[in-house]
Amino acid sequence: MSHQDPMPDAPVILWFRRDFRLSDLPMLQAAVETGRPVIPVFILDEVAEGFGAAPKWRLERALESFARSLGGLGSRLILRRGKALDVLRGLVAETGAADLWWTRLYDPDSVTRDIAVKAALKEDGIGARSYPGHVLFEPWTVETGQGGFYKVYTPYWRAVAGRDVMAPSAAPKSLRAPASWPASDRLEDWGLGRAMDRGAGIVAKHACVGEAAALDRLDNFLAERLERYKAQRDFPAVPATSRLSENLAWGEIAPARIWHAAKRAEENGTGDEHFRKELVWRDFAWHLIHHTPHIVTRNWRDEWDGFAWQGDGEAAERWRRGMTGEPFIDAAMREMYVTGHMHNRARMIVASYLTKHLLTDWRVGLRWFEECLIDWDPASNAMGWQWVAGSGPDAAPYFRIFNPATQVEKFDADARYRRAFIAEGQKAPPETALDYFRAVPRSWGLAPDQAYPRRMIDLAKGRQRALSAYEAHKS
C-alpha cells in the first residue's frame, strides 16, 4: 500500500520545531482531518543543538508548556535527541507511521536539514510534507514586477498589504492517540537551560511562555497599547510595544492571528497599519533569508568585504558586559541580560555603537544577541545587524551613526530607562538594575556598589573614526 493510500490506522507523525501551538496550524488541522492517530514529536537535532544559551533555555520552557497543552487533548509530546533524519526514520519504523509532516522554516540550517529529510523519507515511501504557518506570506510567492525578490522593505510592504492572509482556526478539541506510544526522552535530562546558569531565574521573571499566555498578551496589547503604539513605540521605558516577538519566535502564536486582530482594530478605529507593518518587517527578514541565505554569515553587499572591521576583543567584551560607560548602551545591554529581551530602538543604538563607534564586526554582535535573546530568530537578527552596520539590504547608510547622547535626549529624557537597568550611583536601585549583577557570571567580578565605568570613547571622535574608515574603504 503506497503512502497516497495509507492504512486507516497508520499514524501521522507531526514534527514540531518552532510551532508550539494548537490553533492556526495547518499541519495539525490536516492531521486531525485524516481521522488517524497523531504522534507529536520534537527532536533535539543538529539545528537545535546549535542554539545559544537563552534560546535553549526558552525552548525548554516552550516544550514544557506545549507538552501540557497536548496532554489536555489526550495526546503527548515525544522527545528524542539525535540527527533529525535518523530519529525520524527510527520513529517511522517503531510506529508504522505512513506520513510525516512539519511546518516550513527558511533559515539555511533548517532548509539544508529539511530538504535532505524530505528526499530520504520519500525514497522510503513515507508521505513527507511541509506546511505553511511560520510567516504571513511564503517567501517565493512575493515577487517584483520583473519576477525577482524584493530587496527594499517599502515596495515589499506595498506588494503584500492588500493580500489575503490565512484565516485563524481554532485548536482541535482532542487528538486521536496511537494504539501504543513510542518511548520519549525526559526533558529535564537534556539540561537545555544549563548554560544560563544563575541567569535563568532572573530571565524567568520576564518570560511569557506558551500559547495561552501569548493570546492573552495579544489581547492586552490590543486593548491597552495599540492606540498609542505608533506614538510611543520608540521610548524604551514606556510599555508601548506588544513584546510578541518572543512568542512569534517559538510559534506560540501565529502571525496570521496577530494580523487579523490588528486589522479588526484598524477597522474599529483603535489602531493604524503601523503595527502590521512591523509584522511584515519580520516577514521581509524571512523573505531575504530565503533568497539570500548568506545574510546570516557574510556581508549581504559584497562591496563591504574587506572593510576594516575589528574582530572580537576587549572593546567588544566591555560592550557585551554593559560596561562601556555610555549609559544608554549599558542600560540596553543589561536589559537583555536581565529580561532576555531588548527594546527595538535600543537594539539599533547598541548595534550602531558596536559597528561604528567601536568599529567592530557586526557578526560579533549578532552572535551575542543569538546567545542572550529569548526572542532570537535567525532572520530578524541577521537583517537587523546588517541593516544597522550598513552592509545589508535596504540598509541605513554607513554615515547614519546613532549618537547615544542625542538618542537619550529624544527617547529617555527623564532617564527612566537608564535608571531601570544601571544600579551604580543610585541610592536605592530598582530590582531590575540589581538583577543584572545577580544574573551575570561570577567570573566577571561585578558588583552594584562599584564605580560606574568611564566612557570608552568620545562620541564625536568615534564618529569621525568610523567615517574615515568608510572613506578609506570606498577609495
Foldseek 3Di string as FASTA:
>chain_A
DFLVDDDLAAEEEEEADQALAQWQDVVNVVRVVSVYFYAYEYECAPVVVPFAQLQLLLVLLQQVQSQVVQVQQVYGYFYYYYHVLVVVVVVCVVRVHQEYEYEDAFAPVRVVSLVVNCVVVVVVRHHYYYDYFLAFDDLQVQADPVNHGDLAQPVSCVRPVPPDGDDIGDGDNHGHHHPDHDHHDDSVVVPSNVVLPLLSVLQVVQDQYALVSLVVLLVCLLVPAQQCQVVALLFQLDPRDSPSLLSSLRSRDTLRVSLVVQVVCVVVVSHDCPNVSVSVVVVVLSSCCNVPSCLLPDQAAPLCPPQPADEDDDCLVCLQLLQQQLLLSSLQSLCLSRHLDGRPNSLLQSLLCCCFLVVHDLNSVLVSNSNRHSSDDSRCSSQSNSQSNCRGGNHDHNLPRDQSVVSCVVRVVVCSSSQQAQLAPDPDGDPSNQVSVSRDDVVVVDHNPDHRHHHPDDRVVSSVVRVVSVVVSVD
